[in-house]
Amino acid sequence: MAQKNDFIGVFDSGVGGLSVLRHLQALLPHEHYIYYGDSANAPYGTKTPEEIRALAHGVMEKVLALGAKAVVIACNTATGEAVDSLRAQYPEVPIIGVEPAVKPAVER
């Protein structure tokens, strides 16, 4: 069983987040990682906001139970719908969301 602070958890609704994981490994090569691809529920984009939040919270619980010291949400949809509620529920855990730069630009 992993010990707290052993690794950074990275999750996506499938395998697309593996590119994010590769970049993290290049930037932080001395860290350990666990990747969770929720392909059983992919794609998240066809789900309601409530379903996406429920799925993201479920994945977060699993990754934290394994001992993650931080979590990267490598899924645009999960970031957009769930990052705020995840940060509110887990204020002690660094949670990094990935979202395309187009969305903030459009909102401006």
N, C-alpha and C. Protein backbone atom coordinates (compact mmCIF):
# COMPACT_ATOMS: atom_id res chain seq x y z
N MET A 1 0.85 -1.18 0.00
CA MET A 1 0.00 0.00 0.00
C MET A 1 0.89 1.24 0.00
N ALA A 2 0.53 2.21 -0.80
CA ALA A 2 1.31 3.44 -0.89
C ALA A 2 1.18 4.25 0.39
N GLN A 3 2.21 4.99 0.70
CA GLN A 3 2.20 5.88 1.85
C GLN A 3 1.82 7.28 1.39
N LYS A 4 1.21 8.06 2.29
CA LYS A 4 0.83 9.43 1.97
C LYS A 4 2.06 10.17 1.44
N ASN A 5 1.84 10.96 0.43
CA ASN A 5 2.88 11.77 -0.19
C ASN A 5 3.83 10.97 -1.07
N ASP A 6 3.43 9.77 -1.45
CA ASP A 6 4.27 8.95 -2.32
C ASP A 6 4.25 9.40 -3.77
N PHE A 7 3.12 9.93 -4.24
CA PHE A 7 3.00 10.15 -5.67
C PHE A 7 2.03 11.29 -5.99
N ILE A 8 2.07 11.67 -7.25
CA ILE A 8 1.11 12.63 -7.81
C ILE A 8 0.11 11.82 -8.63
N GLY A 9 -1.16 12.00 -8.35
CA GLY A 9 -2.20 11.33 -9.11
C GLY A 9 -2.57 12.16 -10.32
N VAL A 10 -2.73 11.51 -11.45
CA VAL A 10 -3.14 12.16 -12.69
C VAL A 10 -4.35 11.40 -13.20
N PHE A 11 -5.44 12.14 -13.51
CA PHE A 11 -6.59 11.41 -14.04
C PHE A 11 -7.26 12.12 -15.20
N ASP A 12 -7.86 11.28 -16.04
CA ASP A 12 -8.58 11.73 -17.22
C ASP A 12 -9.73 10.75 -17.43
N SER A 13 -10.64 11.12 -18.31
CA SER A 13 -11.76 10.24 -18.61
C SER A 13 -11.34 9.09 -19.52
N GLY A 14 -10.13 9.08 -19.95
CA GLY A 14 -9.63 8.02 -20.83
C GLY A 14 -8.12 8.05 -20.87
N VAL A 15 -7.57 7.96 -22.08
CA VAL A 15 -6.12 7.90 -22.23
C VAL A 15 -5.50 9.20 -22.74
N GLY A 16 -6.32 10.18 -23.06
CA GLY A 16 -5.80 11.45 -23.58
C GLY A 16 -4.87 12.16 -22.61
N GLY A 17 -5.10 11.96 -21.32
CA GLY A 17 -4.27 12.60 -20.31
C GLY A 17 -2.88 12.02 -20.19
N LEU A 18 -2.61 10.93 -20.91
CA LEU A 18 -1.25 10.38 -20.88
C LEU A 18 -0.23 11.37 -21.42
N SER A 19 -0.65 12.25 -22.33
CA SER A 19 0.27 13.28 -22.84
C SER A 19 0.62 14.26 -21.71
N VAL A 20 -0.34 14.58 -20.85
CA VAL A 20 -0.08 15.43 -19.70
C VAL A 20 0.89 14.72 -18.76
N LEU A 21 0.66 13.45 -18.52
CA LEU A 21 1.56 12.67 -17.67
C LEU A 21 2.99 12.68 -18.22
N ARG A 22 3.15 12.52 -19.52
CA ARG A 22 4.49 12.54 -20.12
C ARG A 22 5.18 13.88 -19.88
N HIS A 23 4.43 14.98 -19.99
CA HIS A 23 5.01 16.31 -19.74
C HIS A 23 5.39 16.46 -18.27
N LEU A 24 4.55 15.98 -17.39
CA LEU A 24 4.88 16.04 -15.96
C LEU A 24 6.14 15.25 -15.65
N GLN A 25 6.26 14.08 -16.24
CA GLN A 25 7.45 13.25 -16.01
C GLN A 25 8.71 13.94 -16.53
N ALA A 26 8.58 14.68 -17.62
CA ALA A 26 9.73 15.41 -18.15
C ALA A 26 10.10 16.59 -17.24
N LEU A 27 9.08 17.27 -16.71
CA LEU A 27 9.33 18.43 -15.85
C LEU A 27 9.75 18.05 -14.44
N LEU A 28 9.18 16.97 -13.93
CA LEU A 28 9.44 16.53 -12.55
C LEU A 28 9.83 15.05 -12.56
N PRO A 29 11.02 14.74 -13.09
CA PRO A 29 11.39 13.34 -13.28
C PRO A 29 11.61 12.55 -11.99
N HIS A 30 11.79 13.21 -10.87
CA HIS A 30 12.04 12.50 -9.62
C HIS A 30 10.77 12.18 -8.84
N GLU A 31 9.64 12.62 -9.36
CA GLU A 31 8.36 12.33 -8.73
C GLU A 31 7.85 10.96 -9.19
N HIS A 32 6.97 10.40 -8.40
CA HIS A 32 6.27 9.17 -8.77
C HIS A 32 4.84 9.55 -9.13
N TYR A 33 4.25 8.80 -10.05
CA TYR A 33 2.91 9.12 -10.56
C TYR A 33 2.05 7.87 -10.61
N ILE A 34 0.76 8.08 -10.46
CA ILE A 34 -0.23 7.05 -10.76
C ILE A 34 -1.23 7.70 -11.71
N TYR A 35 -1.52 7.00 -12.80
CA TYR A 35 -2.47 7.50 -13.79
C TYR A 35 -3.77 6.72 -13.67
N TYR A 36 -4.88 7.46 -13.60
CA TYR A 36 -6.20 6.83 -13.55
C TYR A 36 -6.97 7.28 -14.78
N GLY A 37 -7.18 6.36 -15.70
CA GLY A 37 -7.97 6.63 -16.90
C GLY A 37 -9.35 6.02 -16.72
N ASP A 38 -10.36 6.87 -16.59
CA ASP A 38 -11.72 6.40 -16.32
C ASP A 38 -12.43 6.03 -17.62
N SER A 39 -11.84 5.13 -18.38
CA SER A 39 -12.40 4.76 -19.68
C SER A 39 -13.75 4.07 -19.56
N ALA A 40 -14.07 3.51 -18.40
CA ALA A 40 -15.38 2.88 -18.21
C ALA A 40 -16.51 3.90 -18.31
N ASN A 41 -16.21 5.17 -18.02
CA ASN A 41 -17.22 6.22 -18.05
C ASN A 41 -16.99 7.25 -19.15
N ALA A 42 -16.03 7.00 -20.00
CA ALA A 42 -15.72 7.95 -21.09
C ALA A 42 -16.80 7.86 -22.17
N PRO A 43 -17.04 8.95 -22.84
CA PRO A 43 -16.48 10.29 -22.64
C PRO A 43 -17.29 11.07 -21.61
N TYR A 44 -16.61 11.94 -20.89
CA TYR A 44 -17.30 12.78 -19.90
C TYR A 44 -18.13 13.87 -20.59
N GLY A 45 -17.73 14.27 -21.78
CA GLY A 45 -18.40 15.37 -22.47
C GLY A 45 -19.87 15.13 -22.79
N THR A 46 -20.32 13.89 -22.76
CA THR A 46 -21.72 13.60 -23.05
C THR A 46 -22.57 13.52 -21.77
N LYS A 47 -21.93 13.73 -20.63
CA LYS A 47 -22.61 13.60 -19.34
C LYS A 47 -23.10 14.96 -18.84
N THR A 48 -24.03 14.92 -17.89
CA THR A 48 -24.52 16.15 -17.27
C THR A 48 -23.46 16.68 -16.31
N PRO A 49 -23.52 17.96 -15.98
CA PRO A 49 -22.57 18.50 -15.00
C PRO A 49 -22.57 17.72 -13.68
N GLU A 50 -23.74 17.31 -13.23
CA GLU A 50 -23.83 16.55 -11.98
C GLU A 50 -23.13 15.20 -12.10
N GLU A 51 -23.32 14.54 -13.23
CA GLU A 51 -22.65 13.24 -13.44
C GLU A 51 -21.14 13.42 -13.48
N ILE A 52 -20.68 14.46 -14.15
CA ILE A 52 -19.23 14.71 -14.25
C ILE A 52 -18.64 14.97 -12.88
N ARG A 53 -19.32 15.80 -12.08
CA ARG A 53 -18.83 16.08 -10.73
C ARG A 53 -18.80 14.79 -9.89
N ALA A 54 -19.84 13.98 -9.99
CA ALA A 54 -19.87 12.72 -9.23
C ALA A 54 -18.73 11.80 -9.64
N LEU A 55 -18.49 11.69 -10.94
CA LEU A 55 -17.39 10.84 -11.42
C LEU A 55 -16.04 11.37 -10.95
N ALA A 56 -15.83 12.68 -11.07
CA ALA A 56 -14.56 13.28 -10.66
C ALA A 56 -14.32 13.11 -9.17
N HIS A 57 -15.36 13.29 -8.38
CA HIS A 57 -15.22 13.11 -6.93
C HIS A 57 -14.92 11.65 -6.59
N GLY A 58 -15.52 10.73 -7.32
CA GLY A 58 -15.23 9.32 -7.10
C GLY A 58 -13.80 8.96 -7.42
N VAL A 59 -13.30 9.47 -8.53
CA VAL A 59 -11.91 9.22 -8.90
C VAL A 59 -10.98 9.84 -7.86
N MET A 60 -11.29 11.06 -7.44
CA MET A 60 -10.47 11.76 -6.45
C MET A 60 -10.37 10.94 -5.16
N GLU A 61 -11.48 10.42 -4.70
CA GLU A 61 -11.48 9.60 -3.48
C GLU A 61 -10.57 8.39 -3.63
N LYS A 62 -10.63 7.74 -4.78
CA LYS A 62 -9.80 6.56 -5.02
C LYS A 62 -8.32 6.92 -5.03
N VAL A 63 -7.97 7.99 -5.73
CA VAL A 63 -6.56 8.39 -5.85
C VAL A 63 -6.02 8.84 -4.49
N LEU A 64 -6.82 9.58 -3.74
CA LEU A 64 -6.37 10.02 -2.42
C LEU A 64 -6.24 8.84 -1.46
N ALA A 65 -7.14 7.87 -1.56
CA ALA A 65 -7.06 6.69 -0.70
C ALA A 65 -5.78 5.90 -0.94
N LEU A 66 -5.25 5.98 -2.15
CA LEU A 66 -3.99 5.31 -2.47
C LEU A 66 -2.78 6.06 -1.93
N GLY A 67 -2.97 7.36 -1.57
CA GLY A 67 -1.88 8.12 -0.98
C GLY A 67 -1.36 9.29 -1.79
N ALA A 68 -2.13 9.79 -2.73
CA ALA A 68 -1.65 10.91 -3.56
C ALA A 68 -1.37 12.15 -2.72
N LYS A 69 -0.28 12.82 -3.02
CA LYS A 69 0.04 14.08 -2.33
C LYS A 69 -0.49 15.28 -3.10
N ALA A 70 -0.82 15.09 -4.36
CA ALA A 70 -1.37 16.12 -5.23
C ALA A 70 -2.09 15.41 -6.37
N VAL A 71 -3.00 16.13 -7.03
CA VAL A 71 -3.75 15.53 -8.13
C VAL A 71 -3.80 16.50 -9.30
N VAL A 72 -3.55 15.97 -10.48
CA VAL A 72 -3.68 16.72 -11.72
C VAL A 72 -4.88 16.17 -12.47
N ILE A 73 -5.83 17.04 -12.75
CA ILE A 73 -6.99 16.65 -13.55
C ILE A 73 -6.63 16.92 -15.00
N ALA A 74 -6.31 15.87 -15.73
CA ALA A 74 -5.85 16.00 -17.11
C ALA A 74 -7.00 15.94 -18.10
N CYS A 75 -8.19 16.27 -17.63
CA CYS A 75 -9.41 16.20 -18.42
C CYS A 75 -10.05 17.59 -18.45
N ASN A 76 -10.20 18.15 -19.64
CA ASN A 76 -10.80 19.47 -19.76
C ASN A 76 -12.21 19.51 -19.18
N THR A 77 -13.01 18.50 -19.48
CA THR A 77 -14.40 18.47 -19.03
C THR A 77 -14.48 18.37 -17.52
N ALA A 78 -13.70 17.49 -16.92
CA ALA A 78 -13.71 17.35 -15.46
C ALA A 78 -13.18 18.61 -14.79
N THR A 79 -12.17 19.23 -15.38
CA THR A 79 -11.66 20.47 -14.82
C THR A 79 -12.74 21.53 -14.82
N GLY A 80 -13.39 21.71 -15.95
CA GLY A 80 -14.41 22.75 -16.07
C GLY A 80 -15.59 22.56 -15.14
N GLU A 81 -15.98 21.32 -14.93
CA GLU A 81 -17.18 21.04 -14.13
C GLU A 81 -16.91 20.74 -12.66
N ALA A 82 -15.70 20.26 -12.33
CA ALA A 82 -15.51 19.74 -10.98
C ALA A 82 -14.35 20.33 -10.19
N VAL A 83 -13.44 21.05 -10.81
CA VAL A 83 -12.25 21.49 -10.07
C VAL A 83 -12.61 22.35 -8.87
N ASP A 84 -13.58 23.24 -8.99
CA ASP A 84 -13.93 24.10 -7.86
C ASP A 84 -14.50 23.30 -6.69
N SER A 85 -15.39 22.36 -6.97
CA SER A 85 -15.98 21.56 -5.89
C SER A 85 -14.94 20.62 -5.28
N LEU A 86 -14.01 20.11 -6.09
CA LEU A 86 -12.95 19.26 -5.55
C LEU A 86 -12.03 20.07 -4.64
N ARG A 87 -11.66 21.28 -5.07
CA ARG A 87 -10.80 22.12 -4.23
C ARG A 87 -11.50 22.50 -2.93
N ALA A 88 -12.80 22.73 -3.00
CA ALA A 88 -13.56 23.06 -1.78
C ALA A 88 -13.61 21.87 -0.82
N GLN A 89 -13.78 20.68 -1.35
CA GLN A 89 -13.87 19.48 -0.51
C GLN A 89 -12.51 19.04 0.03
N TYR A 90 -11.45 19.29 -0.73
CA TYR A 90 -10.11 18.85 -0.35
C TYR A 90 -9.14 20.03 -0.33
N PRO A 91 -9.34 20.98 0.58
CA PRO A 91 -8.50 22.19 0.57
C PRO A 91 -7.04 21.91 0.90
N GLU A 92 -6.75 20.79 1.53
CA GLU A 92 -5.37 20.47 1.91
C GLU A 92 -4.58 19.81 0.77
N VAL A 93 -5.25 19.48 -0.32
CA VAL A 93 -4.61 18.78 -1.44
C VAL A 93 -4.42 19.74 -2.62
N PRO A 94 -3.19 19.87 -3.11
CA PRO A 94 -3.01 20.66 -4.34
C PRO A 94 -3.72 19.95 -5.51
N ILE A 95 -4.63 20.66 -6.16
CA ILE A 95 -5.37 20.11 -7.29
C ILE A 95 -5.14 21.04 -8.47
N ILE A 96 -4.54 20.49 -9.51
CA ILE A 96 -4.21 21.25 -10.70
C ILE A 96 -5.13 20.80 -11.82
N GLY A 97 -5.86 21.73 -12.39
CA GLY A 97 -6.76 21.42 -13.49
C GLY A 97 -6.18 21.85 -14.81
N VAL A 98 -6.53 21.14 -15.85
CA VAL A 98 -6.08 21.45 -17.20
C VAL A 98 -7.30 21.88 -18.00
N GLU A 99 -7.21 23.05 -18.57
CA GLU A 99 -8.32 23.56 -19.35
C GLU A 99 -7.74 24.33 -20.53
N PRO A 100 -8.33 24.20 -21.70
CA PRO A 100 -7.77 24.91 -22.85
C PRO A 100 -7.85 26.42 -22.66
N ALA A 101 -6.87 27.11 -23.21
CA ALA A 101 -6.80 28.57 -23.08
C ALA A 101 -7.92 29.26 -23.86
N VAL A 102 -8.59 28.54 -24.76
CA VAL A 102 -9.66 29.14 -25.55
C VAL A 102 -10.82 29.58 -24.66
N LYS A 103 -11.16 28.78 -23.67
CA LYS A 103 -12.30 29.11 -22.81
C LYS A 103 -12.13 30.46 -22.11
N PRO A 104 -11.00 30.71 -21.41
CA PRO A 104 -10.84 32.02 -20.78
C PRO A 104 -10.83 33.17 -21.79
N ALA A 105 -10.27 32.91 -22.96
CA ALA A 105 -10.25 33.95 -23.99
C ALA A 105 -11.65 34.29 -24.46
N VAL A 106 -12.49 33.30 -24.65
CA VAL A 106 -13.86 33.51 -25.09
C VAL A 106 -14.64 34.25 -24.00
N GLU A 107 -14.39 33.91 -22.75
CA GLU A 107 -15.09 34.57 -21.64
C GLU A 107 -14.73 36.04 -21.51
N ARG A 108 -13.54 36.41 -21.95
CA ARG A 108 -13.11 37.82 -21.90
C ARG A 108 -13.76 38.57 -23.02
